[in-house]
């Protein structure tokens, strides 16, 4: 990925690989640019895995802290972006497991109360509400996939990584990535068809 690096001397168009090399040499602005460049996709991945804005922000922050402390382990083989997204996805999955253990019963009761107290006119649903329902349905469907399949699908659909990049990122065979994505698509399609039937 190419971008612009602001330095004290001048502006230089640079790739992730060049920034990574500069950052390893102690260039703080190069390291900051690497993380800033990939924040949006990191957030989208975390949000899709967790389904909650603040949890996603917390997970990205946790992932970035872990990535900074393990910065020297990025070998550049699969690219900085894929490496960072793996760290962030793992942080989000860890965050989600902790949150579910801690809040499962409380969240279920809150959702029931919210649905019961809702005053939505069912005869004329607004598009915004339909999109919100669809998003909730997608998030619920993703939750049914299990952590490995969910992370694989999100890295593919949300982050736009190739099968090869995902295989390198998750350290699994290419066939496993293909199988996970195919299975995720099948399950999501079945769930969404049920959503359309309602």
N, C-alpha and C. Protein backbone atom coordinates (compact mmCIF):
# COMPACT_ATOMS: atom_id res chain seq x y z
N UNK A 1 0.85 -1.18 0.00
CA UNK A 1 0.00 0.00 0.00
C UNK A 1 0.88 1.23 0.00
N UNK A 2 0.55 2.19 -0.82
CA UNK A 2 1.33 3.42 -0.94
C UNK A 2 0.58 4.55 -0.27
N UNK A 3 1.33 5.44 0.35
CA UNK A 3 0.73 6.58 1.00
C UNK A 3 1.74 7.70 1.05
N UNK A 4 1.42 8.73 1.80
CA UNK A 4 2.31 9.87 1.93
C UNK A 4 2.78 9.95 3.36
N UNK A 5 4.07 10.09 3.52
CA UNK A 5 4.67 10.21 4.84
C UNK A 5 5.12 11.65 5.02
N UNK A 6 4.64 12.29 6.06
CA UNK A 6 5.05 13.65 6.35
C UNK A 6 6.30 13.58 7.22
N UNK A 7 7.36 14.18 6.77
CA UNK A 7 8.58 14.26 7.57
C UNK A 7 8.88 15.73 7.82
N UNK A 8 9.84 15.96 8.68
CA UNK A 8 10.19 17.35 8.97
C UNK A 8 10.84 18.01 7.77
N UNK A 9 11.47 17.23 6.89
CA UNK A 9 12.16 17.80 5.74
C UNK A 9 11.25 17.95 4.52
N UNK A 10 10.47 16.90 4.22
CA UNK A 10 9.67 16.92 3.00
C UNK A 10 8.63 15.80 3.04
N UNK A 11 7.76 15.80 2.03
CA UNK A 11 6.73 14.78 1.90
C UNK A 11 7.22 13.72 0.92
N UNK A 12 7.10 12.46 1.32
CA UNK A 12 7.61 11.37 0.50
C UNK A 12 6.51 10.33 0.29
N UNK A 13 6.23 9.96 -0.97
CA UNK A 13 5.30 8.86 -1.24
C UNK A 13 6.02 7.58 -0.87
N UNK A 14 5.34 6.74 -0.10
CA UNK A 14 6.04 5.56 0.41
C UNK A 14 5.11 4.38 0.57
N UNK A 15 5.66 3.18 0.52
CA UNK A 15 4.90 1.95 0.69
C UNK A 15 4.94 1.51 2.14
N UNK A 16 4.08 0.55 2.48
CA UNK A 16 4.12 -0.02 3.83
C UNK A 16 5.48 -0.64 4.12
N UNK A 17 6.04 -1.31 3.12
CA UNK A 17 7.33 -1.98 3.31
C UNK A 17 8.43 -0.98 3.67
N UNK A 18 8.42 0.17 2.97
CA UNK A 18 9.41 1.21 3.26
C UNK A 18 9.19 1.79 4.65
N UNK A 19 7.93 2.05 4.98
CA UNK A 19 7.62 2.57 6.31
C UNK A 19 8.03 1.59 7.39
N UNK A 20 7.79 0.30 7.15
CA UNK A 20 8.17 -0.72 8.13
C UNK A 20 9.67 -0.72 8.35
N UNK A 21 10.42 -0.61 7.28
CA UNK A 21 11.88 -0.57 7.38
C UNK A 21 12.33 0.67 8.16
N UNK A 22 11.73 1.82 7.84
CA UNK A 22 12.06 3.05 8.56
C UNK A 22 11.69 2.95 10.04
N UNK A 23 10.51 2.38 10.30
CA UNK A 23 10.05 2.25 11.69
C UNK A 23 10.97 1.34 12.49
N UNK A 24 11.42 0.28 11.87
CA UNK A 24 12.36 -0.62 12.56
C UNK A 24 13.68 0.06 12.86
N UNK A 25 13.99 1.07 12.05
CA UNK A 25 15.20 1.85 12.28
C UNK A 25 15.03 2.96 13.31
N UNK A 26 13.84 3.03 13.90
CA UNK A 26 13.59 4.00 14.96
C UNK A 26 12.82 5.23 14.55
N UNK A 27 12.33 5.28 13.31
CA UNK A 27 11.58 6.45 12.84
C UNK A 27 10.16 6.40 13.38
N UNK A 28 9.88 7.24 14.38
CA UNK A 28 8.55 7.26 15.01
C UNK A 28 7.45 7.67 14.06
N UNK A 29 7.72 8.66 13.20
CA UNK A 29 6.68 9.13 12.28
C UNK A 29 6.31 8.04 11.29
N UNK A 30 7.26 7.21 10.90
CA UNK A 30 6.97 6.09 9.99
C UNK A 30 6.07 5.07 10.70
N UNK A 31 6.39 4.77 11.95
CA UNK A 31 5.57 3.83 12.72
C UNK A 31 4.16 4.37 12.91
N UNK A 32 4.05 5.64 13.25
CA UNK A 32 2.73 6.26 13.44
C UNK A 32 1.93 6.25 12.15
N UNK A 33 2.59 6.52 11.03
CA UNK A 33 1.91 6.52 9.74
C UNK A 33 1.39 5.12 9.39
N UNK A 34 2.17 4.09 9.69
CA UNK A 34 1.72 2.71 9.43
C UNK A 34 0.42 2.42 10.18
N UNK A 35 0.37 2.77 11.44
CA UNK A 35 -0.82 2.49 12.24
C UNK A 35 -1.98 3.40 11.83
N UNK A 36 -1.71 4.66 11.54
CA UNK A 36 -2.77 5.59 11.12
C UNK A 36 -3.36 5.14 9.78
N UNK A 37 -2.52 4.71 8.88
CA UNK A 37 -2.94 4.29 7.54
C UNK A 37 -3.95 3.14 7.59
N UNK A 38 -3.83 2.27 8.56
CA UNK A 38 -4.67 1.08 8.61
C UNK A 38 -5.71 1.12 9.74
N UNK A 39 -5.91 2.31 10.33
CA UNK A 39 -6.87 2.39 11.43
C UNK A 39 -8.29 2.09 10.97
N UNK A 40 -8.73 2.69 9.85
CA UNK A 40 -10.11 2.52 9.41
C UNK A 40 -10.46 1.05 9.18
N UNK A 41 -9.62 0.33 8.48
CA UNK A 41 -9.91 -1.09 8.23
C UNK A 41 -9.80 -1.90 9.52
N UNK A 42 -8.89 -1.52 10.41
CA UNK A 42 -8.78 -2.21 11.70
C UNK A 42 -10.07 -2.04 12.50
N UNK A 43 -10.59 -0.81 12.50
CA UNK A 43 -11.84 -0.55 13.21
C UNK A 43 -13.00 -1.33 12.59
N UNK A 44 -13.09 -1.33 11.26
CA UNK A 44 -14.19 -2.06 10.60
C UNK A 44 -14.15 -3.54 10.93
N UNK A 45 -12.95 -4.13 10.95
CA UNK A 45 -12.81 -5.55 11.30
C UNK A 45 -13.26 -5.78 12.74
N UNK A 46 -12.77 -4.97 13.66
CA UNK A 46 -13.14 -5.13 15.07
C UNK A 46 -14.64 -4.91 15.28
N UNK A 47 -15.20 -3.91 14.60
CA UNK A 47 -16.63 -3.64 14.75
C UNK A 47 -17.46 -4.79 14.21
N UNK A 48 -17.06 -5.34 13.07
CA UNK A 48 -17.81 -6.46 12.50
C UNK A 48 -17.71 -7.70 13.40
N UNK A 49 -16.59 -7.88 14.05
CA UNK A 49 -16.43 -9.03 14.94
C UNK A 49 -17.18 -8.85 16.26
N UNK A 50 -17.29 -7.60 16.72
CA UNK A 50 -17.88 -7.35 18.03
C UNK A 50 -19.29 -6.76 17.97
N UNK A 51 -19.61 -6.03 16.89
CA UNK A 51 -20.95 -5.48 16.74
C UNK A 51 -21.27 -4.30 17.63
N UNK A 52 -20.26 -3.67 18.20
CA UNK A 52 -20.49 -2.56 19.11
C UNK A 52 -19.37 -1.54 18.94
N UNK A 53 -19.73 -0.28 18.76
CA UNK A 53 -18.75 0.77 18.46
C UNK A 53 -17.66 0.90 19.52
N UNK A 54 -18.06 1.06 20.78
CA UNK A 54 -17.07 1.29 21.83
C UNK A 54 -16.20 0.06 22.05
N UNK A 55 -16.80 -1.13 21.98
CA UNK A 55 -16.01 -2.36 22.12
C UNK A 55 -14.99 -2.46 20.99
N UNK A 56 -15.40 -2.07 19.78
CA UNK A 56 -14.49 -2.12 18.63
C UNK A 56 -13.32 -1.16 18.85
N UNK A 57 -13.61 0.05 19.32
CA UNK A 57 -12.54 1.02 19.59
C UNK A 57 -11.59 0.49 20.65
N UNK A 58 -12.15 -0.12 21.71
CA UNK A 58 -11.31 -0.69 22.77
C UNK A 58 -10.45 -1.83 22.23
N UNK A 59 -11.04 -2.66 21.39
CA UNK A 59 -10.30 -3.80 20.82
C UNK A 59 -9.19 -3.33 19.89
N UNK A 60 -9.46 -2.29 19.10
CA UNK A 60 -8.42 -1.75 18.22
C UNK A 60 -7.28 -1.17 19.06
N UNK A 61 -7.64 -0.45 20.10
CA UNK A 61 -6.61 0.11 20.97
C UNK A 61 -5.78 -1.01 21.59
N UNK A 62 -6.44 -2.05 22.08
CA UNK A 62 -5.73 -3.18 22.66
C UNK A 62 -4.85 -3.87 21.61
N UNK A 63 -5.41 -4.03 20.41
CA UNK A 63 -4.64 -4.65 19.33
C UNK A 63 -3.43 -3.81 18.95
N UNK A 64 -3.59 -2.50 18.91
CA UNK A 64 -2.46 -1.63 18.57
C UNK A 64 -1.37 -1.68 19.64
N UNK A 65 -1.78 -1.72 20.90
CA UNK A 65 -0.79 -1.84 21.99
C UNK A 65 -0.02 -3.15 21.84
N UNK A 66 -0.75 -4.25 21.56
CA UNK A 66 -0.09 -5.54 21.36
C UNK A 66 0.82 -5.50 20.13
N UNK A 67 0.35 -4.87 19.07
CA UNK A 67 1.17 -4.78 17.85
C UNK A 67 2.43 -3.96 18.09
N UNK A 68 2.31 -2.87 18.83
CA UNK A 68 3.49 -2.06 19.13
C UNK A 68 4.51 -2.84 19.95
N UNK A 69 4.02 -3.63 20.91
CA UNK A 69 4.96 -4.39 21.74
C UNK A 69 5.56 -5.57 20.99
N UNK A 70 4.89 -6.01 19.91
CA UNK A 70 5.40 -7.14 19.12
C UNK A 70 5.84 -6.69 17.73
N UNK A 71 6.11 -5.40 17.58
CA UNK A 71 6.42 -4.80 16.29
C UNK A 71 7.56 -5.53 15.56
N UNK A 72 8.55 -5.96 16.31
CA UNK A 72 9.70 -6.63 15.70
C UNK A 72 9.37 -8.02 15.16
N UNK A 73 8.21 -8.57 15.54
CA UNK A 73 7.85 -9.91 15.04
C UNK A 73 7.18 -9.85 13.68
N UNK A 74 6.86 -8.66 13.20
CA UNK A 74 6.27 -8.52 11.86
C UNK A 74 7.38 -8.76 10.84
N UNK A 75 7.32 -9.92 10.20
CA UNK A 75 8.40 -10.28 9.28
C UNK A 75 8.21 -9.71 7.88
N UNK A 76 7.07 -9.08 7.63
CA UNK A 76 6.82 -8.49 6.32
C UNK A 76 6.46 -9.49 5.25
N UNK A 77 6.45 -10.77 5.58
CA UNK A 77 6.16 -11.82 4.60
C UNK A 77 4.77 -11.66 4.01
N UNK A 78 3.78 -11.46 4.85
CA UNK A 78 2.41 -11.30 4.35
C UNK A 78 2.01 -9.83 4.31
N UNK A 79 2.92 -8.95 4.60
CA UNK A 79 2.64 -7.52 4.58
C UNK A 79 2.21 -7.01 5.95
N UNK A 80 2.54 -5.76 6.22
CA UNK A 80 2.22 -5.17 7.51
C UNK A 80 0.71 -5.15 7.75
N UNK A 81 -0.06 -4.79 6.72
CA UNK A 81 -1.51 -4.69 6.87
C UNK A 81 -2.12 -6.00 7.33
N UNK A 82 -1.75 -7.10 6.68
CA UNK A 82 -2.29 -8.41 7.06
C UNK A 82 -1.85 -8.78 8.47
N UNK A 83 -0.61 -8.50 8.81
CA UNK A 83 -0.10 -8.80 10.16
C UNK A 83 -0.87 -8.00 11.20
N UNK A 84 -1.05 -6.69 10.95
CA UNK A 84 -1.77 -5.84 11.90
C UNK A 84 -3.22 -6.29 12.05
N UNK A 85 -3.87 -6.63 10.94
CA UNK A 85 -5.27 -7.06 11.02
C UNK A 85 -5.40 -8.38 11.78
N UNK A 86 -4.42 -9.24 11.68
CA UNK A 86 -4.45 -10.49 12.47
C UNK A 86 -4.38 -10.15 13.96
N UNK A 87 -3.48 -9.23 14.32
CA UNK A 87 -3.34 -8.83 15.73
C UNK A 87 -4.64 -8.21 16.23
N UNK A 88 -5.21 -7.31 15.43
CA UNK A 88 -6.46 -6.64 15.83
C UNK A 88 -7.62 -7.63 15.90
N UNK A 89 -7.72 -8.53 14.92
CA UNK A 89 -8.80 -9.53 14.94
C UNK A 89 -8.68 -10.42 16.17
N UNK A 90 -7.47 -10.85 16.49
CA UNK A 90 -7.28 -11.67 17.69
C UNK A 90 -7.63 -10.90 18.95
N UNK A 91 -7.27 -9.61 19.01
CA UNK A 91 -7.62 -8.78 20.16
C UNK A 91 -9.14 -8.64 20.27
N UNK A 92 -9.81 -8.47 19.13
CA UNK A 92 -11.27 -8.35 19.14
C UNK A 92 -11.92 -9.65 19.59
N UNK A 93 -11.42 -10.77 19.11
CA UNK A 93 -11.98 -12.06 19.52
C UNK A 93 -11.77 -12.30 21.01
N UNK A 94 -10.58 -11.95 21.52
CA UNK A 94 -10.33 -12.06 22.97
C UNK A 94 -11.27 -11.15 23.75
N UNK A 95 -11.42 -9.93 23.28
CA UNK A 95 -12.31 -8.98 23.93
C UNK A 95 -13.74 -9.51 23.94
N UNK A 96 -14.17 -10.06 22.81
CA UNK A 96 -15.52 -10.61 22.71
C UNK A 96 -15.76 -11.77 23.66
N UNK A 97 -14.77 -12.66 23.78
CA UNK A 97 -14.91 -13.79 24.71
C UNK A 97 -15.04 -13.31 26.14
N UNK A 98 -14.22 -12.35 26.52
CA UNK A 98 -14.28 -11.81 27.88
C UNK A 98 -15.62 -11.13 28.13
N UNK A 99 -16.05 -10.33 27.14
CA UNK A 99 -17.32 -9.62 27.28
C UNK A 99 -18.48 -10.59 27.41
N UNK A 100 -18.49 -11.63 26.58
CA UNK A 100 -19.60 -12.59 26.63
C UNK A 100 -19.65 -13.32 27.96
N UNK A 101 -18.51 -13.70 28.47
CA UNK A 101 -18.50 -14.37 29.78
C UNK A 101 -19.05 -13.45 30.86
N UNK A 102 -18.67 -12.20 30.81
CA UNK A 102 -19.03 -11.24 31.85
C UNK A 102 -20.46 -10.74 31.72
N UNK A 103 -20.92 -10.53 30.50
CA UNK A 103 -22.18 -9.80 30.31
C UNK A 103 -23.31 -10.59 29.66
N UNK A 104 -23.15 -11.86 29.44
CA UNK A 104 -24.13 -12.61 28.65
C UNK A 104 -25.55 -12.48 29.19
N UNK A 105 -25.77 -12.75 30.44
CA UNK A 105 -27.12 -12.68 31.00
C UNK A 105 -27.66 -11.26 31.01
N UNK A 106 -26.81 -10.30 31.36
CA UNK A 106 -27.25 -8.90 31.41
C UNK A 106 -27.67 -8.40 30.03
N UNK A 107 -26.91 -8.74 29.00
CA UNK A 107 -27.23 -8.30 27.65
C UNK A 107 -28.51 -8.94 27.14
N UNK A 108 -28.73 -10.19 27.44
CA UNK A 108 -29.94 -10.87 27.00
C UNK A 108 -31.18 -10.21 27.62
N UNK A 109 -31.12 -9.91 28.89
CA UNK A 109 -32.27 -9.28 29.53
C UNK A 109 -32.47 -7.86 29.00
N UNK A 110 -31.39 -7.14 28.73
CA UNK A 110 -31.51 -5.79 28.17
C UNK A 110 -32.17 -5.83 26.80
N UNK A 111 -31.75 -6.77 25.94
CA UNK A 111 -32.34 -6.88 24.60
C UNK A 111 -33.84 -7.18 24.68
N UNK A 112 -34.25 -8.05 25.60
CA UNK A 112 -35.68 -8.36 25.75
C UNK A 112 -36.47 -7.15 26.20
N UNK A 113 -35.92 -6.40 27.15
CA UNK A 113 -36.61 -5.21 27.64
C UNK A 113 -36.71 -4.15 26.54
N UNK A 114 -35.65 -3.98 25.77
CA UNK A 114 -35.66 -3.00 24.68
C UNK A 114 -36.70 -3.38 23.64
N UNK A 115 -36.75 -4.63 23.26
CA UNK A 115 -37.74 -5.08 22.27
C UNK A 115 -39.16 -4.91 22.80
N UNK A 116 -39.38 -5.23 24.07
CA UNK A 116 -40.71 -5.13 24.66
C UNK A 116 -41.16 -3.67 24.76
N UNK A 117 -40.23 -2.76 25.08
CA UNK A 117 -40.57 -1.35 25.27
C UNK A 117 -40.61 -0.56 23.96
N UNK A 118 -40.22 -1.17 22.85
CA UNK A 118 -40.17 -0.47 21.57
C UNK A 118 -41.57 -0.11 21.10
N UNK A 119 -41.73 1.11 20.56
CA UNK A 119 -43.03 1.58 20.08
C UNK A 119 -43.03 1.72 18.56
N UNK A 120 -42.37 0.80 17.85
CA UNK A 120 -42.26 0.89 16.40
C UNK A 120 -43.58 0.50 15.75
N UNK A 121 -44.01 1.28 14.77
CA UNK A 121 -45.20 0.98 13.98
C UNK A 121 -44.84 -0.11 12.97
N UNK A 122 -45.26 -1.33 13.22
CA UNK A 122 -44.91 -2.47 12.38
C UNK A 122 -45.53 -2.40 10.99
N UNK A 123 -46.65 -1.63 10.81
CA UNK A 123 -47.29 -1.56 9.51
C UNK A 123 -46.52 -0.70 8.52
N UNK A 124 -45.63 0.21 8.99
CA UNK A 124 -44.89 1.10 8.10
C UNK A 124 -43.45 1.26 8.57
N UNK A 125 -42.63 0.19 8.46
CA UNK A 125 -41.25 0.29 8.96
C UNK A 125 -40.40 1.22 8.08
N UNK A 126 -39.59 2.04 8.69
CA UNK A 126 -38.71 2.95 7.96
C UNK A 126 -37.49 2.19 7.45
N UNK A 127 -36.90 2.72 6.40
CA UNK A 127 -35.72 2.07 5.83
C UNK A 127 -34.59 1.96 6.84
N UNK A 128 -34.40 3.00 7.64
CA UNK A 128 -33.33 2.98 8.64
C UNK A 128 -33.51 1.84 9.62
N UNK A 129 -34.75 1.59 10.03
CA UNK A 129 -35.01 0.48 10.93
C UNK A 129 -34.76 -0.86 10.25
N UNK A 130 -35.11 -0.94 8.97
CA UNK A 130 -34.87 -2.18 8.23
C UNK A 130 -33.38 -2.46 8.13
N UNK A 131 -32.60 -1.40 7.86
CA UNK A 131 -31.14 -1.58 7.79
C UNK A 131 -30.58 -1.98 9.14
N UNK A 132 -31.12 -1.38 10.19
CA UNK A 132 -30.66 -1.73 11.54
C UNK A 132 -31.00 -3.19 11.85
N UNK A 133 -32.20 -3.62 11.45
CA UNK A 133 -32.57 -5.02 11.64
C UNK A 133 -31.65 -5.95 10.85
N UNK A 134 -31.34 -5.54 9.62
CA UNK A 134 -30.46 -6.35 8.79
C UNK A 134 -29.06 -6.43 9.41
N UNK A 135 -28.57 -5.29 9.91
CA UNK A 135 -27.25 -5.28 10.55
C UNK A 135 -27.24 -6.20 11.77
N UNK A 136 -28.29 -6.12 12.57
CA UNK A 136 -28.39 -6.99 13.74
C UNK A 136 -28.45 -8.45 13.33
N UNK A 137 -29.19 -8.72 12.25
CA UNK A 137 -29.29 -10.09 11.74
C UNK A 137 -27.92 -10.58 11.26
N UNK A 138 -27.20 -9.71 10.54
CA UNK A 138 -25.86 -10.08 10.08
C UNK A 138 -24.91 -10.32 11.25
N UNK A 139 -24.96 -9.43 12.24
CA UNK A 139 -24.11 -9.62 13.42
C UNK A 139 -24.45 -10.92 14.15
N UNK A 140 -25.74 -11.21 14.27
CA UNK A 140 -26.16 -12.46 14.92
C UNK A 140 -25.70 -13.66 14.10
N UNK A 141 -25.79 -13.55 12.78
CA UNK A 141 -25.35 -14.63 11.90
C UNK A 141 -23.85 -14.83 12.03
N UNK A 142 -23.11 -13.74 12.06
CA UNK A 142 -21.65 -13.86 12.22
C UNK A 142 -21.30 -14.50 13.56
N UNK A 143 -22.07 -14.18 14.61
CA UNK A 143 -21.84 -14.78 15.92
C UNK A 143 -22.00 -16.29 15.89
N UNK A 144 -22.85 -16.80 15.01
CA UNK A 144 -23.10 -18.24 14.92
C UNK A 144 -21.98 -18.99 14.20
N UNK A 145 -21.08 -18.26 13.56
CA UNK A 145 -20.03 -18.91 12.78
C UNK A 145 -18.92 -19.50 13.62
N UNK A 146 -18.73 -19.04 14.81
CA UNK A 146 -17.59 -19.48 15.59
C UNK A 146 -16.41 -18.56 15.32
N UNK A 147 -15.50 -18.43 16.26
CA UNK A 147 -14.46 -17.41 16.15
C UNK A 147 -13.55 -17.54 14.93
N UNK A 148 -13.13 -18.75 14.58
CA UNK A 148 -12.19 -18.89 13.46
C UNK A 148 -12.86 -18.56 12.13
N UNK A 149 -14.05 -19.12 11.90
CA UNK A 149 -14.75 -18.84 10.64
C UNK A 149 -15.17 -17.38 10.56
N UNK A 150 -15.61 -16.82 11.67
CA UNK A 150 -16.03 -15.42 11.69
C UNK A 150 -14.85 -14.52 11.34
N UNK A 151 -13.71 -14.74 11.99
CA UNK A 151 -12.53 -13.92 11.72
C UNK A 151 -12.09 -14.06 10.26
N UNK A 152 -12.11 -15.27 9.74
CA UNK A 152 -11.73 -15.50 8.34
C UNK A 152 -12.65 -14.74 7.41
N UNK A 153 -13.96 -14.85 7.63
CA UNK A 153 -14.93 -14.18 6.76
C UNK A 153 -14.81 -12.67 6.85
N UNK A 154 -14.63 -12.13 8.04
CA UNK A 154 -14.53 -10.68 8.21
C UNK A 154 -13.25 -10.16 7.55
N UNK A 155 -12.14 -10.90 7.68
CA UNK A 155 -10.91 -10.47 7.02
C UNK A 155 -11.08 -10.44 5.50
N UNK A 156 -11.89 -11.36 4.99
CA UNK A 156 -12.15 -11.40 3.55
C UNK A 156 -13.15 -10.33 3.12
N UNK A 157 -14.32 -10.31 3.77
CA UNK A 157 -15.42 -9.44 3.33
C UNK A 157 -15.25 -7.99 3.76
N UNK A 158 -14.76 -7.76 4.95
CA UNK A 158 -14.66 -6.40 5.46
C UNK A 158 -13.30 -5.78 5.18
N UNK A 159 -12.22 -6.55 5.39
CA UNK A 159 -10.88 -6.00 5.22
C UNK A 159 -10.37 -6.14 3.78
N UNK A 160 -11.02 -7.01 3.00
CA UNK A 160 -10.63 -7.16 1.61
C UNK A 160 -9.33 -7.92 1.39
N UNK A 161 -8.93 -8.74 2.36
CA UNK A 161 -7.71 -9.52 2.18
C UNK A 161 -7.97 -10.67 1.21
N UNK A 162 -6.96 -11.07 0.48
CA UNK A 162 -7.07 -12.21 -0.43
C UNK A 162 -7.02 -13.51 0.37
N UNK A 163 -7.42 -14.61 -0.26
CA UNK A 163 -7.34 -15.91 0.41
C UNK A 163 -5.91 -16.18 0.88
N UNK A 164 -4.95 -15.88 0.03
CA UNK A 164 -3.54 -16.12 0.36
C UNK A 164 -3.11 -15.29 1.56
N UNK A 165 -3.50 -14.00 1.58
CA UNK A 165 -3.14 -13.14 2.71
C UNK A 165 -3.77 -13.65 4.00
N UNK A 166 -5.02 -14.10 3.92
CA UNK A 166 -5.69 -14.62 5.12
C UNK A 166 -5.00 -15.89 5.59
N UNK A 167 -4.63 -16.76 4.67
CA UNK A 167 -3.93 -18.00 5.04
C UNK A 167 -2.62 -17.68 5.75
N UNK A 168 -1.87 -16.72 5.23
CA UNK A 168 -0.62 -16.32 5.87
C UNK A 168 -0.88 -15.65 7.21
N UNK A 169 -1.90 -14.80 7.25
CA UNK A 169 -2.26 -14.06 8.44
C UNK A 169 -2.69 -14.99 9.58
N UNK A 170 -3.50 -16.00 9.23
CA UNK A 170 -4.02 -16.90 10.26
C UNK A 170 -3.18 -18.17 10.42
N UNK A 171 -2.17 -18.28 9.57
CA UNK A 171 -1.25 -19.43 9.62
C UNK A 171 -2.01 -20.75 9.47
N UNK A 172 -2.87 -20.78 8.43
CA UNK A 172 -3.62 -21.99 8.09
C UNK A 172 -3.45 -22.24 6.60
N UNK A 173 -3.71 -23.48 6.13
CA UNK A 173 -3.62 -23.76 4.70
C UNK A 173 -4.66 -22.97 3.91
N UNK A 174 -4.35 -22.71 2.65
CA UNK A 174 -5.25 -21.99 1.75
C UNK A 174 -6.61 -22.68 1.66
N UNK A 175 -6.61 -24.00 1.61
CA UNK A 175 -7.86 -24.77 1.54
C UNK A 175 -8.76 -24.53 2.75
N UNK A 176 -8.15 -24.34 3.92
CA UNK A 176 -8.91 -24.07 5.13
C UNK A 176 -9.62 -22.72 5.01
N UNK A 177 -8.91 -21.73 4.48
CA UNK A 177 -9.50 -20.41 4.28
C UNK A 177 -10.69 -20.52 3.32
N UNK A 178 -10.48 -21.22 2.21
CA UNK A 178 -11.55 -21.37 1.21
C UNK A 178 -12.76 -22.07 1.81
N UNK A 179 -12.50 -23.10 2.60
CA UNK A 179 -13.58 -23.85 3.23
C UNK A 179 -14.35 -22.99 4.24
N UNK A 180 -13.61 -22.23 5.05
CA UNK A 180 -14.25 -21.38 6.05
C UNK A 180 -15.13 -20.32 5.39
N UNK A 181 -14.62 -19.70 4.33
CA UNK A 181 -15.39 -18.65 3.65
C UNK A 181 -16.61 -19.23 2.97
N UNK A 182 -16.46 -20.38 2.33
CA UNK A 182 -17.59 -21.03 1.67
C UNK A 182 -18.67 -21.40 2.69
N UNK A 183 -18.25 -21.97 3.81
CA UNK A 183 -19.20 -22.36 4.85
C UNK A 183 -19.89 -21.12 5.44
N UNK A 184 -19.11 -20.06 5.66
CA UNK A 184 -19.68 -18.83 6.21
C UNK A 184 -20.73 -18.25 5.25
N UNK A 185 -20.42 -18.23 3.96
CA UNK A 185 -21.38 -17.72 2.98
C UNK A 185 -22.68 -18.51 2.99
N UNK A 186 -22.55 -19.84 3.04
CA UNK A 186 -23.72 -20.72 3.06
C UNK A 186 -24.60 -20.42 4.27
N UNK A 187 -23.97 -20.34 5.44
CA UNK A 187 -24.73 -20.10 6.67
C UNK A 187 -25.36 -18.71 6.67
N UNK A 188 -24.60 -17.71 6.23
CA UNK A 188 -25.14 -16.35 6.19
C UNK A 188 -26.31 -16.26 5.22
N UNK A 189 -26.19 -16.92 4.07
CA UNK A 189 -27.27 -16.89 3.09
C UNK A 189 -28.54 -17.52 3.66
N UNK A 190 -28.39 -18.65 4.36
CA UNK A 190 -29.56 -19.32 4.95
C UNK A 190 -30.22 -18.42 5.98
N UNK A 191 -29.42 -17.76 6.80
CA UNK A 191 -29.98 -16.88 7.82
C UNK A 191 -30.67 -15.68 7.19
N UNK A 192 -30.05 -15.11 6.16
CA UNK A 192 -30.62 -13.93 5.50
C UNK A 192 -31.89 -14.28 4.74
N UNK A 193 -31.96 -15.49 4.19
CA UNK A 193 -33.20 -15.91 3.55
C UNK A 193 -34.33 -16.01 4.57
N UNK A 194 -34.00 -16.45 5.76
CA UNK A 194 -34.98 -16.47 6.85
C UNK A 194 -35.41 -15.07 7.23
N UNK A 195 -34.48 -14.12 7.19
CA UNK A 195 -34.78 -12.71 7.49
C UNK A 195 -35.76 -12.16 6.46
N UNK A 196 -35.52 -12.45 5.17
CA UNK A 196 -36.40 -11.96 4.10
C UNK A 196 -37.80 -12.54 4.21
N UNK A 197 -37.91 -13.76 4.74
CA UNK A 197 -39.21 -14.43 4.83
C UNK A 197 -40.10 -13.85 5.92
N UNK A 198 -39.48 -13.16 6.89
CA UNK A 198 -40.26 -12.60 8.01
C UNK A 198 -41.15 -11.47 7.59
